[in-house]
Amino acid sequence: MRIKKAEFLKSCTQAKEFPDYTFPEFAFMGRSNVGKSSLINMMLNRKALVKVGSKPGVTRTINFLLINDSLSVADLPGFGYAKLPRELRRTFLPLIREYINSRDNLRIVFLLVDIRRIPDEFERDIITLLSEKGIPTVITVTKSDKLSKSQRHARIRDIAQALLIDTDSLFMTSAKTGEGRIELLSLFETPPPKEGNNLLR
């Protein structure tokens, strides 16, 4: 898919602010500091369309982008970062749940996992929620350039085991090298139907 136009649409802190349109929507979510903003900028071939923060937890709203005047990208707030104020952390997961439950045009969720850490109940809870809604999920491993080849193979195995999926179900990406860009953009072009088992490969 060729990105001809990409523009920031709006930031939302509650469901009633979500944009009302029928464009197919693709959401990016994961823990704080997992690299969502950097990956979205890389995929869309834009340097700073989405703000990249130096500290975890910078994204505190759901940010909507319009791509080629024909599809939408949603950048969701990171979850699970212990150093954020407790009250702020409490607002994140309910907002994410509201988003998942209310967006009928949601076609795929890219669930991001940092290759340097093993996913736990946060990621599994999100996968369960998405499965219940029948929303296809792409398990997207970020920052693949941070590990050596041997370390990378071992960690891929550990991540797949933690999520009870095959290693072939993981999409490897790097915002630095551009790895995974073509593969992920191809899913924008031909999204799967919103039904059935939701772990894609």
N, C-alpha and C. Protein backbone atom coordinates (compact mmCIF):
# COMPACT_ATOMS: atom_id res chain seq x y z
N MET A 1 0.84 -1.19 0.00
CA MET A 1 0.00 0.00 0.00
C MET A 1 0.88 1.25 0.00
N ARG A 2 0.56 2.19 -0.85
CA ARG A 2 1.31 3.43 -0.92
C ARG A 2 0.63 4.51 -0.07
N ILE A 3 1.39 5.12 0.83
CA ILE A 3 0.85 6.18 1.67
C ILE A 3 1.00 7.51 0.95
N LYS A 4 -0.11 8.01 0.43
CA LYS A 4 -0.08 9.27 -0.31
C LYS A 4 -0.38 10.46 0.60
N LYS A 5 -1.20 10.22 1.61
CA LYS A 5 -1.61 11.30 2.49
C LYS A 5 -1.83 10.76 3.89
N ALA A 6 -1.31 11.44 4.88
CA ALA A 6 -1.51 11.05 6.28
C ALA A 6 -1.63 12.31 7.11
N GLU A 7 -2.71 12.41 7.84
CA GLU A 7 -2.94 13.62 8.63
C GLU A 7 -3.51 13.29 10.00
N PHE A 8 -3.11 14.09 10.98
CA PHE A 8 -3.65 13.96 12.32
C PHE A 8 -5.09 14.46 12.32
N LEU A 9 -5.99 13.68 12.94
CA LEU A 9 -7.39 14.07 12.95
C LEU A 9 -7.81 14.68 14.29
N LYS A 10 -7.68 13.92 15.39
CA LYS A 10 -8.05 14.45 16.70
C LYS A 10 -7.55 13.53 17.81
N SER A 11 -7.50 14.08 19.03
CA SER A 11 -7.17 13.32 20.24
C SER A 11 -8.43 13.23 21.09
N CYS A 12 -8.63 12.07 21.70
CA CYS A 12 -9.85 11.86 22.49
C CYS A 12 -9.51 11.27 23.86
N THR A 13 -10.23 11.73 24.86
CA THR A 13 -10.05 11.21 26.21
C THR A 13 -11.25 10.40 26.67
N GLN A 14 -12.33 10.40 25.87
CA GLN A 14 -13.52 9.63 26.22
C GLN A 14 -14.26 9.23 24.96
N ALA A 15 -15.10 8.19 25.10
CA ALA A 15 -15.74 7.59 23.93
C ALA A 15 -16.62 8.56 23.16
N LYS A 16 -17.27 9.48 23.84
CA LYS A 16 -18.18 10.39 23.15
C LYS A 16 -17.45 11.34 22.19
N GLU A 17 -16.12 11.41 22.32
CA GLU A 17 -15.33 12.26 21.44
C GLU A 17 -14.83 11.51 20.20
N PHE A 18 -14.98 10.19 20.15
CA PHE A 18 -14.45 9.42 19.03
C PHE A 18 -15.07 9.90 17.72
N PRO A 19 -14.28 9.96 16.65
CA PRO A 19 -14.82 10.39 15.35
C PRO A 19 -15.87 9.42 14.83
N ASP A 20 -16.87 9.96 14.19
CA ASP A 20 -17.99 9.16 13.67
C ASP A 20 -17.85 9.05 12.16
N TYR A 21 -17.22 7.97 11.70
CA TYR A 21 -17.11 7.71 10.27
C TYR A 21 -17.07 6.21 10.04
N THR A 22 -17.16 5.81 8.79
CA THR A 22 -17.23 4.40 8.45
C THR A 22 -15.93 3.87 7.84
N PHE A 23 -14.88 4.71 7.79
CA PHE A 23 -13.61 4.23 7.26
C PHE A 23 -13.14 3.02 8.06
N PRO A 24 -12.55 2.01 7.41
CA PRO A 24 -11.95 0.91 8.17
C PRO A 24 -10.85 1.46 9.08
N GLU A 25 -10.81 0.96 10.32
CA GLU A 25 -9.89 1.49 11.31
C GLU A 25 -8.91 0.43 11.77
N PHE A 26 -7.67 0.86 12.02
CA PHE A 26 -6.59 -0.03 12.44
C PHE A 26 -5.97 0.57 13.69
N ALA A 27 -5.99 -0.19 14.78
CA ALA A 27 -5.54 0.34 16.07
C ALA A 27 -4.20 -0.24 16.48
N PHE A 28 -3.39 0.60 17.14
CA PHE A 28 -2.11 0.17 17.68
C PHE A 28 -2.16 0.33 19.19
N MET A 29 -1.87 -0.77 19.90
CA MET A 29 -1.88 -0.70 21.35
C MET A 29 -0.80 -1.59 21.94
N GLY A 30 -0.47 -1.32 23.19
CA GLY A 30 0.58 -2.08 23.87
C GLY A 30 1.02 -1.33 25.11
N ARG A 31 1.98 -1.88 25.80
CA ARG A 31 2.49 -1.25 27.01
C ARG A 31 3.13 0.10 26.71
N SER A 32 3.21 0.93 27.73
CA SER A 32 3.92 2.19 27.59
C SER A 32 5.37 1.92 27.19
N ASN A 33 5.88 2.77 26.32
CA ASN A 33 7.27 2.69 25.85
C ASN A 33 7.55 1.48 24.97
N VAL A 34 6.50 0.88 24.40
CA VAL A 34 6.70 -0.27 23.53
C VAL A 34 7.11 0.16 22.12
N GLY A 35 6.91 1.44 21.81
CA GLY A 35 7.32 1.94 20.50
C GLY A 35 6.18 2.12 19.52
N LYS A 36 4.96 2.35 20.03
CA LYS A 36 3.80 2.52 19.13
C LYS A 36 3.98 3.71 18.19
N SER A 37 4.28 4.86 18.77
CA SER A 37 4.37 6.08 17.95
C SER A 37 5.47 5.98 16.90
N SER A 38 6.62 5.44 17.30
CA SER A 38 7.72 5.28 16.35
C SER A 38 7.35 4.33 15.23
N LEU A 39 6.66 3.23 15.56
CA LEU A 39 6.27 2.27 14.54
C LEU A 39 5.25 2.87 13.58
N ILE A 40 4.28 3.60 14.10
CA ILE A 40 3.28 4.23 13.23
C ILE A 40 3.94 5.24 12.29
N ASN A 41 4.84 6.06 12.81
CA ASN A 41 5.56 7.01 11.96
C ASN A 41 6.35 6.29 10.87
N MET A 42 6.98 5.18 11.24
CA MET A 42 7.77 4.41 10.26
C MET A 42 6.85 3.83 9.19
N MET A 43 5.74 3.23 9.61
CA MET A 43 4.84 2.63 8.64
C MET A 43 4.27 3.66 7.66
N LEU A 44 3.95 4.84 8.18
CA LEU A 44 3.34 5.87 7.35
C LEU A 44 4.38 6.74 6.64
N ASN A 45 5.65 6.45 6.90
CA ASN A 45 6.76 7.19 6.28
C ASN A 45 6.69 8.68 6.60
N ARG A 46 6.40 8.95 7.88
CA ARG A 46 6.37 10.31 8.38
C ARG A 46 7.28 10.41 9.59
N LYS A 47 7.99 11.51 9.72
CA LYS A 47 8.96 11.63 10.81
C LYS A 47 8.30 11.94 12.15
N ALA A 48 7.26 12.73 12.15
CA ALA A 48 6.71 13.19 13.43
C ALA A 48 5.20 13.37 13.38
N LEU A 49 4.51 12.53 12.60
CA LEU A 49 3.06 12.64 12.56
C LEU A 49 2.47 12.31 13.93
N VAL A 50 3.05 11.29 14.56
CA VAL A 50 2.65 10.91 15.92
C VAL A 50 3.78 11.28 16.86
N LYS A 51 3.46 11.92 17.95
CA LYS A 51 4.47 12.38 18.90
C LYS A 51 5.17 11.21 19.56
N VAL A 52 6.51 11.24 19.54
CA VAL A 52 7.32 10.22 20.22
C VAL A 52 7.89 10.84 21.48
N GLY A 53 7.56 10.27 22.62
CA GLY A 53 7.99 10.84 23.90
C GLY A 53 9.28 10.22 24.41
N SER A 54 10.02 10.99 25.18
CA SER A 54 11.26 10.48 25.79
C SER A 54 10.98 9.70 27.06
N LYS A 55 9.77 9.87 27.60
CA LYS A 55 9.40 9.17 28.82
C LYS A 55 8.19 8.28 28.56
N PRO A 56 8.14 7.08 29.18
CA PRO A 56 6.98 6.21 29.02
C PRO A 56 5.71 6.91 29.50
N GLY A 57 4.60 6.58 28.81
CA GLY A 57 3.32 7.12 29.23
C GLY A 57 2.97 8.47 28.63
N VAL A 58 3.69 8.89 27.60
CA VAL A 58 3.42 10.18 26.98
C VAL A 58 2.05 10.20 26.31
N THR A 59 1.69 9.11 25.61
CA THR A 59 0.40 9.04 24.95
C THR A 59 -0.68 8.79 25.99
N ARG A 60 -1.47 9.81 26.29
CA ARG A 60 -2.50 9.69 27.32
C ARG A 60 -3.90 9.85 26.75
N THR A 61 -3.99 9.89 25.44
CA THR A 61 -5.28 9.99 24.75
C THR A 61 -5.27 8.97 23.62
N ILE A 62 -6.44 8.76 23.02
CA ILE A 62 -6.49 8.00 21.77
C ILE A 62 -6.39 8.99 20.63
N ASN A 63 -5.36 8.84 19.84
CA ASN A 63 -5.10 9.76 18.74
C ASN A 63 -5.53 9.11 17.42
N PHE A 64 -6.34 9.82 16.66
CA PHE A 64 -6.87 9.31 15.40
C PHE A 64 -6.18 9.99 14.23
N LEU A 65 -5.80 9.19 13.25
CA LEU A 65 -5.16 9.68 12.03
C LEU A 65 -6.00 9.25 10.83
N LEU A 66 -5.98 10.05 9.79
CA LEU A 66 -6.69 9.73 8.55
C LEU A 66 -5.65 9.49 7.46
N ILE A 67 -5.74 8.33 6.82
CA ILE A 67 -4.75 7.91 5.83
C ILE A 67 -5.40 7.80 4.45
N ASN A 68 -4.83 8.51 3.47
CA ASN A 68 -5.29 8.46 2.08
C ASN A 68 -6.79 8.77 1.95
N ASP A 69 -7.33 9.50 2.91
CA ASP A 69 -8.75 9.84 2.92
C ASP A 69 -9.65 8.61 2.81
N SER A 70 -9.13 7.46 3.25
CA SER A 70 -9.90 6.23 3.06
C SER A 70 -9.82 5.25 4.22
N LEU A 71 -8.92 5.46 5.15
CA LEU A 71 -8.85 4.59 6.32
C LEU A 71 -8.31 5.37 7.51
N SER A 72 -8.52 4.81 8.69
CA SER A 72 -8.16 5.48 9.93
C SER A 72 -7.17 4.64 10.73
N VAL A 73 -6.27 5.32 11.42
CA VAL A 73 -5.35 4.68 12.36
C VAL A 73 -5.58 5.28 13.74
N ALA A 74 -5.66 4.43 14.75
CA ALA A 74 -5.84 4.89 16.12
C ALA A 74 -4.62 4.49 16.95
N ASP A 75 -4.00 5.47 17.58
CA ASP A 75 -2.85 5.25 18.46
C ASP A 75 -3.38 5.32 19.90
N LEU A 76 -3.41 4.17 20.58
CA LEU A 76 -4.00 4.11 21.91
C LEU A 76 -2.97 4.35 23.00
N PRO A 77 -3.42 4.81 24.17
CA PRO A 77 -2.47 5.06 25.27
C PRO A 77 -1.84 3.77 25.76
N GLY A 78 -0.58 3.87 26.16
CA GLY A 78 0.11 2.70 26.69
C GLY A 78 -0.46 2.29 28.03
N PHE A 79 -0.36 1.00 28.34
CA PHE A 79 -0.90 0.51 29.60
C PHE A 79 0.18 -0.24 30.37
N GLY A 80 0.01 -0.28 31.68
CA GLY A 80 0.86 -1.13 32.49
C GLY A 80 2.15 -0.51 32.97
N TYR A 81 2.31 0.80 32.81
CA TYR A 81 3.57 1.42 33.25
C TYR A 81 3.45 1.84 34.71
N ALA A 82 4.20 1.18 35.58
CA ALA A 82 4.00 1.29 37.03
C ALA A 82 4.30 2.69 37.58
N LYS A 83 5.17 3.46 36.92
CA LYS A 83 5.58 4.74 37.48
C LYS A 83 4.61 5.86 37.19
N LEU A 84 3.60 5.60 36.36
CA LEU A 84 2.57 6.62 36.15
C LEU A 84 1.71 6.74 37.41
N PRO A 85 1.16 7.91 37.68
CA PRO A 85 0.26 8.05 38.83
C PRO A 85 -0.86 7.03 38.77
N ARG A 86 -1.22 6.48 39.93
CA ARG A 86 -2.22 5.41 39.98
C ARG A 86 -3.53 5.82 39.34
N GLU A 87 -3.99 7.03 39.61
CA GLU A 87 -5.26 7.47 39.07
C GLU A 87 -5.24 7.54 37.55
N LEU A 88 -4.09 7.93 37.01
CA LEU A 88 -3.94 8.00 35.56
C LEU A 88 -3.95 6.60 34.96
N ARG A 89 -3.25 5.67 35.61
CA ARG A 89 -3.23 4.29 35.12
C ARG A 89 -4.63 3.71 35.07
N ARG A 90 -5.45 4.06 36.08
CA ARG A 90 -6.80 3.52 36.16
C ARG A 90 -7.67 3.98 35.00
N THR A 91 -7.36 5.12 34.41
CA THR A 91 -8.18 5.63 33.31
C THR A 91 -7.84 4.96 31.98
N PHE A 92 -6.65 4.39 31.86
CA PHE A 92 -6.20 3.88 30.58
C PHE A 92 -6.98 2.65 30.11
N LEU A 93 -6.99 1.59 30.95
CA LEU A 93 -7.61 0.35 30.52
C LEU A 93 -9.10 0.49 30.26
N PRO A 94 -9.87 1.21 31.11
CA PRO A 94 -11.28 1.43 30.78
C PRO A 94 -11.47 2.16 29.45
N LEU A 95 -10.60 3.13 29.15
CA LEU A 95 -10.71 3.84 27.88
C LEU A 95 -10.44 2.90 26.72
N ILE A 96 -9.44 2.03 26.87
CA ILE A 96 -9.13 1.06 25.83
C ILE A 96 -10.30 0.10 25.63
N ARG A 97 -10.88 -0.35 26.74
CA ARG A 97 -12.04 -1.26 26.64
C ARG A 97 -13.23 -0.57 25.96
N GLU A 98 -13.46 0.68 26.31
CA GLU A 98 -14.54 1.44 25.66
C GLU A 98 -14.30 1.55 24.17
N TYR A 99 -13.05 1.80 23.81
CA TYR A 99 -12.70 1.91 22.40
C TYR A 99 -13.02 0.61 21.67
N ILE A 100 -12.53 -0.51 22.20
CA ILE A 100 -12.73 -1.80 21.55
C ILE A 100 -14.22 -2.12 21.42
N ASN A 101 -14.99 -1.82 22.45
CA ASN A 101 -16.41 -2.16 22.46
C ASN A 101 -17.26 -1.27 21.57
N SER A 102 -16.75 -0.08 21.24
CA SER A 102 -17.61 0.89 20.54
C SER A 102 -17.28 1.08 19.07
N ARG A 103 -16.15 0.57 18.60
CA ARG A 103 -15.74 0.87 17.22
C ARG A 103 -16.13 -0.25 16.27
N ASP A 104 -17.29 -0.12 15.66
CA ASP A 104 -17.77 -1.14 14.73
C ASP A 104 -16.92 -1.22 13.46
N ASN A 105 -16.20 -0.14 13.16
CA ASN A 105 -15.36 -0.12 11.96
C ASN A 105 -13.94 -0.60 12.22
N LEU A 106 -13.66 -1.10 13.43
CA LEU A 106 -12.32 -1.57 13.77
C LEU A 106 -12.03 -2.88 13.05
N ARG A 107 -11.00 -2.90 12.22
CA ARG A 107 -10.69 -4.07 11.40
C ARG A 107 -9.56 -4.92 11.97
N ILE A 108 -8.52 -4.29 12.51
CA ILE A 108 -7.38 -5.02 13.05
C ILE A 108 -6.83 -4.25 14.24
N VAL A 109 -6.40 -4.97 15.26
CA VAL A 109 -5.62 -4.38 16.33
C VAL A 109 -4.20 -4.93 16.23
N PHE A 110 -3.24 -4.03 16.14
CA PHE A 110 -1.83 -4.40 16.20
C PHE A 110 -1.42 -4.31 17.67
N LEU A 111 -1.24 -5.46 18.30
CA LEU A 111 -0.84 -5.51 19.70
C LEU A 111 0.67 -5.60 19.78
N LEU A 112 1.32 -4.54 20.26
CA LEU A 112 2.76 -4.44 20.24
C LEU A 112 3.40 -5.01 21.49
N VAL A 113 4.51 -5.73 21.29
CA VAL A 113 5.28 -6.32 22.38
C VAL A 113 6.75 -6.01 22.13
N ASP A 114 7.42 -5.41 23.11
CA ASP A 114 8.85 -5.14 23.03
C ASP A 114 9.61 -6.46 23.07
N ILE A 115 10.50 -6.66 22.11
CA ILE A 115 11.22 -7.93 22.03
C ILE A 115 12.07 -8.21 23.26
N ARG A 116 12.35 -7.17 24.05
CA ARG A 116 13.22 -7.34 25.21
C ARG A 116 12.47 -7.76 26.47
N ARG A 117 11.14 -7.88 26.39
CA ARG A 117 10.40 -8.29 27.57
C ARG A 117 9.33 -9.33 27.21
N ILE A 118 8.95 -10.10 28.21
CA ILE A 118 7.98 -11.17 28.01
C ILE A 118 6.59 -10.65 28.37
N PRO A 119 5.61 -10.82 27.50
CA PRO A 119 4.25 -10.38 27.80
C PRO A 119 3.66 -11.16 28.97
N ASP A 120 2.69 -10.52 29.65
CA ASP A 120 2.06 -11.20 30.78
C ASP A 120 0.56 -10.97 30.74
N GLU A 121 -0.07 -10.79 31.93
CA GLU A 121 -1.53 -10.74 31.96
C GLU A 121 -2.11 -9.53 31.23
N PHE A 122 -1.36 -8.44 31.12
CA PHE A 122 -1.87 -7.27 30.40
C PHE A 122 -2.16 -7.64 28.94
N GLU A 123 -1.18 -8.21 28.29
CA GLU A 123 -1.35 -8.60 26.89
C GLU A 123 -2.39 -9.70 26.74
N ARG A 124 -2.37 -10.67 27.64
CA ARG A 124 -3.34 -11.77 27.54
C ARG A 124 -4.77 -11.28 27.74
N ASP A 125 -4.96 -10.31 28.65
CA ASP A 125 -6.29 -9.75 28.86
C ASP A 125 -6.81 -9.04 27.61
N ILE A 126 -5.92 -8.29 26.97
CA ILE A 126 -6.32 -7.59 25.75
C ILE A 126 -6.67 -8.60 24.65
N ILE A 127 -5.85 -9.63 24.50
CA ILE A 127 -6.11 -10.66 23.48
C ILE A 127 -7.46 -11.33 23.74
N THR A 128 -7.76 -11.62 25.00
CA THR A 128 -9.05 -12.24 25.34
C THR A 128 -10.21 -11.33 24.98
N LEU A 129 -10.09 -10.05 25.32
CA LEU A 129 -11.14 -9.09 25.00
C LEU A 129 -11.36 -8.99 23.49
N LEU A 130 -10.27 -8.91 22.74
CA LEU A 130 -10.37 -8.82 21.29
C LEU A 130 -10.98 -10.09 20.70
N SER A 131 -10.60 -11.24 21.25
CA SER A 131 -11.14 -12.51 20.78
C SER A 131 -12.64 -12.58 21.00
N GLU A 132 -13.09 -12.10 22.16
CA GLU A 132 -14.52 -12.10 22.46
C GLU A 132 -15.30 -11.22 21.48
N LYS A 133 -14.66 -10.17 21.01
CA LYS A 133 -15.31 -9.26 20.05
C LYS A 133 -15.11 -9.71 18.60
N GLY A 134 -14.30 -10.75 18.39
CA GLY A 134 -14.04 -11.22 17.04
C GLY A 134 -13.19 -10.29 16.21
N ILE A 135 -12.32 -9.53 16.87
CA ILE A 135 -11.47 -8.57 16.17
C ILE A 135 -10.11 -9.19 15.89
N PRO A 136 -9.70 -9.28 14.64
CA PRO A 136 -8.38 -9.85 14.32
C PRO A 136 -7.25 -9.08 15.00
N THR A 137 -6.26 -9.83 15.49
CA THR A 137 -5.13 -9.24 16.22
C THR A 137 -3.83 -9.63 15.55
N VAL A 138 -2.96 -8.65 15.38
CA VAL A 138 -1.62 -8.90 14.87
C VAL A 138 -0.64 -8.70 16.02
N ILE A 139 0.00 -9.76 16.47
CA ILE A 139 1.00 -9.66 17.53
C ILE A 139 2.27 -9.13 16.90
N THR A 140 2.60 -7.89 17.21
CA THR A 140 3.67 -7.16 16.54
C THR A 140 4.83 -6.95 17.50
N VAL A 141 5.94 -7.60 17.22
CA VAL A 141 7.12 -7.51 18.08
C VAL A 141 7.96 -6.32 17.62
N THR A 142 8.19 -5.37 18.53
CA THR A 142 8.91 -4.14 18.18
C THR A 142 10.37 -4.21 18.61
N LYS A 143 11.16 -3.27 18.08
CA LYS A 143 12.56 -3.06 18.47
C LYS A 143 13.42 -4.30 18.24
N SER A 144 13.17 -4.99 17.13
CA SER A 144 13.91 -6.22 16.83
C SER A 144 15.39 -5.96 16.64
N ASP A 145 15.76 -4.72 16.31
CA ASP A 145 17.16 -4.38 16.11
C ASP A 145 17.95 -4.32 17.41
N LYS A 146 17.27 -4.38 18.55
CA LYS A 146 17.93 -4.23 19.84
C LYS A 146 18.66 -5.49 20.30
N LEU A 147 18.38 -6.64 19.66
CA LEU A 147 18.99 -7.89 20.09
C LEU A 147 19.81 -8.50 18.95
N SER A 148 20.78 -9.33 19.34
CA SER A 148 21.55 -10.08 18.36
C SER A 148 20.67 -11.17 17.75
N LYS A 149 21.14 -11.79 16.69
CA LYS A 149 20.35 -12.80 16.01
C LYS A 149 20.00 -13.97 16.93
N SER A 150 20.96 -14.43 17.69
CA SER A 150 20.71 -15.56 18.59
C SER A 150 19.76 -15.17 19.72
N GLN A 151 19.95 -13.96 20.27
CA GLN A 151 19.06 -13.48 21.33
C GLN A 151 17.64 -13.31 20.80
N ARG A 152 17.55 -12.85 19.59
CA ARG A 152 16.25 -12.62 18.96
C ARG A 152 15.47 -13.92 18.82
N HIS A 153 16.11 -14.98 18.34
CA HIS A 153 15.43 -16.27 18.17
C HIS A 153 14.92 -16.80 19.51
N ALA A 154 15.74 -16.66 20.53
CA ALA A 154 15.35 -17.15 21.85
C ALA A 154 14.17 -16.36 22.40
N ARG A 155 14.18 -15.04 22.20
CA ARG A 155 13.12 -14.22 22.74
C ARG A 155 11.80 -14.42 21.98
N ILE A 156 11.90 -14.61 20.69
CA ILE A 156 10.70 -14.91 19.90
C ILE A 156 10.01 -16.15 20.44
N ARG A 157 10.81 -17.16 20.75
CA ARG A 157 10.27 -18.40 21.30
C ARG A 157 9.60 -18.16 22.65
N ASP A 158 10.23 -17.33 23.48
CA ASP A 158 9.69 -17.04 24.81
C ASP A 158 8.37 -16.26 24.72
N ILE A 159 8.32 -15.28 23.81
CA ILE A 159 7.11 -14.47 23.65
C ILE A 159 5.95 -15.34 23.16
N ALA A 160 6.21 -16.17 22.16
CA ALA A 160 5.17 -17.04 21.63
C ALA A 160 4.66 -17.99 22.71
N GLN A 161 5.56 -18.52 23.51
CA GLN A 161 5.17 -19.43 24.57
C GLN A 161 4.30 -18.72 25.61
N ALA A 162 4.66 -17.49 25.95
CA ALA A 162 3.90 -16.74 26.95
C ALA A 162 2.48 -16.45 26.47
N LEU A 163 2.30 -16.28 25.16
CA LEU A 163 0.99 -15.97 24.61
C LEU A 163 0.27 -17.20 24.07
N LEU A 164 0.93 -18.37 24.19
CA LEU A 164 0.34 -19.64 23.75
C LEU A 164 0.02 -19.63 22.26
N ILE A 165 0.95 -19.11 21.47
CA ILE A 165 0.78 -19.09 20.02
C ILE A 165 2.06 -19.60 19.36
N ASP A 166 1.99 -19.84 18.05
CA ASP A 166 3.16 -20.28 17.30
C ASP A 166 4.07 -19.08 17.02
N THR A 167 5.36 -19.35 16.89
CA THR A 167 6.29 -18.27 16.56
C THR A 167 5.97 -17.66 15.20
N ASP A 168 5.37 -18.43 14.31
CA ASP A 168 5.01 -17.91 12.98
C ASP A 168 3.91 -16.86 13.05
N SER A 169 3.23 -16.77 14.20
CA SER A 169 2.16 -15.79 14.35
C SER A 169 2.67 -14.41 14.75
N LEU A 170 3.98 -14.28 14.98
CA LEU A 170 4.55 -13.01 15.39
C LEU A 170 5.07 -12.24 14.17
N PHE A 171 4.77 -10.95 14.13
CA PHE A 171 5.31 -10.07 13.10
C PHE A 171 6.47 -9.28 13.70
N MET A 172 7.65 -9.41 13.10
CA MET A 172 8.83 -8.73 13.61
C MET A 172 8.95 -7.36 12.96
N THR A 173 9.23 -6.35 13.79
CA THR A 173 9.34 -4.99 13.27
C THR A 173 10.48 -4.22 13.94
N SER A 174 10.92 -3.19 13.25
CA SER A 174 11.89 -2.25 13.81
C SER A 174 11.64 -0.88 13.20
N ALA A 175 11.32 0.09 14.04
CA ALA A 175 11.13 1.45 13.54
C ALA A 175 12.44 2.02 13.01
N LYS A 176 13.55 1.51 13.51
CA LYS A 176 14.87 2.02 13.10
C LYS A 176 15.26 1.51 11.72
N THR A 177 15.06 0.21 11.46
CA THR A 177 15.51 -0.38 10.19
C THR A 177 14.40 -0.47 9.15
N GLY A 178 13.16 -0.31 9.58
CA GLY A 178 12.04 -0.44 8.66
C GLY A 178 11.54 -1.86 8.49
N GLU A 179 12.10 -2.78 9.26
CA GLU A 179 11.65 -4.18 9.17
C GLU A 179 10.16 -4.28 9.47
N GLY A 180 9.45 -5.06 8.66
CA GLY A 180 8.03 -5.33 8.88
C GLY A 180 7.09 -4.33 8.23
N ARG A 181 7.60 -3.25 7.68
CA ARG A 181 6.73 -2.20 7.15
C ARG A 181 5.84 -2.71 6.03
N ILE A 182 6.42 -3.38 5.06
CA ILE A 182 5.65 -3.87 3.91
C ILE A 182 4.60 -4.87 4.34
N GLU A 183 4.99 -5.77 5.26
CA GLU A 183 4.06 -6.81 5.71
C GLU A 183 2.85 -6.21 6.44
N LEU A 184 3.10 -5.23 7.30
CA LEU A 184 2.00 -4.63 8.05
C LEU A 184 1.11 -3.77 7.15
N LEU A 185 1.73 -3.02 6.25
CA LEU A 185 0.93 -2.19 5.35
C LEU A 185 0.05 -3.04 4.43
N SER A 186 0.49 -4.24 4.11
CA SER A 186 -0.33 -5.11 3.26
C SER A 186 -1.64 -5.47 3.95
N LEU A 187 -1.64 -5.47 5.29
CA LEU A 187 -2.87 -5.76 6.02
C LEU A 187 -3.82 -4.56 5.99
N PHE A 188 -3.30 -3.36 5.81
CA PHE A 188 -4.15 -2.19 5.60
C PHE A 188 -4.92 -2.33 4.29
N GLU A 189 -4.25 -2.92 3.32
CA GLU A 189 -4.81 -2.99 1.97
C GLU A 189 -5.91 -4.04 1.87
N THR A 190 -5.70 -5.18 2.49
CA THR A 190 -6.67 -6.28 2.42
C THR A 190 -6.93 -6.81 3.82
N PRO A 191 -7.63 -6.02 4.65
CA PRO A 191 -7.92 -6.47 6.01
C PRO A 191 -8.82 -7.70 6.01
N PRO A 192 -8.64 -8.60 6.98
CA PRO A 192 -9.48 -9.79 7.06
C PRO A 192 -10.88 -9.42 7.54
N PRO A 193 -11.85 -10.31 7.35
CA PRO A 193 -13.19 -10.04 7.87
C PRO A 193 -13.17 -10.03 9.39
N LYS A 194 -14.07 -9.26 9.99
CA LYS A 194 -14.14 -9.18 11.45
C LYS A 194 -14.93 -10.35 12.00
N GLU A 195 -14.30 -11.50 12.04
CA GLU A 195 -14.97 -12.70 12.53
C GLU A 195 -13.93 -13.79 12.80
N GLY A 196 -14.35 -14.81 13.52
CA GLY A 196 -13.51 -15.97 13.72
C GLY A 196 -12.34 -15.74 14.64
N ASN A 197 -11.38 -16.69 14.62
CA ASN A 197 -10.20 -16.59 15.47
C ASN A 197 -9.39 -15.38 15.08
N ASN A 198 -8.80 -14.72 16.04
CA ASN A 198 -8.29 -13.38 15.78
C ASN A 198 -6.78 -13.24 15.77
N LEU A 199 -6.02 -14.32 15.86
CA LEU A 199 -4.57 -14.19 15.81
C LEU A 199 -4.12 -14.43 14.38
N LEU A 200 -3.57 -13.40 13.76
CA LEU A 200 -3.27 -13.44 12.34
C LEU A 200 -1.83 -13.86 12.05
N ARG A 201 -1.67 -14.46 10.92
CA ARG A 201 -0.37 -14.60 10.30
C ARG A 201 -0.56 -14.94 8.83
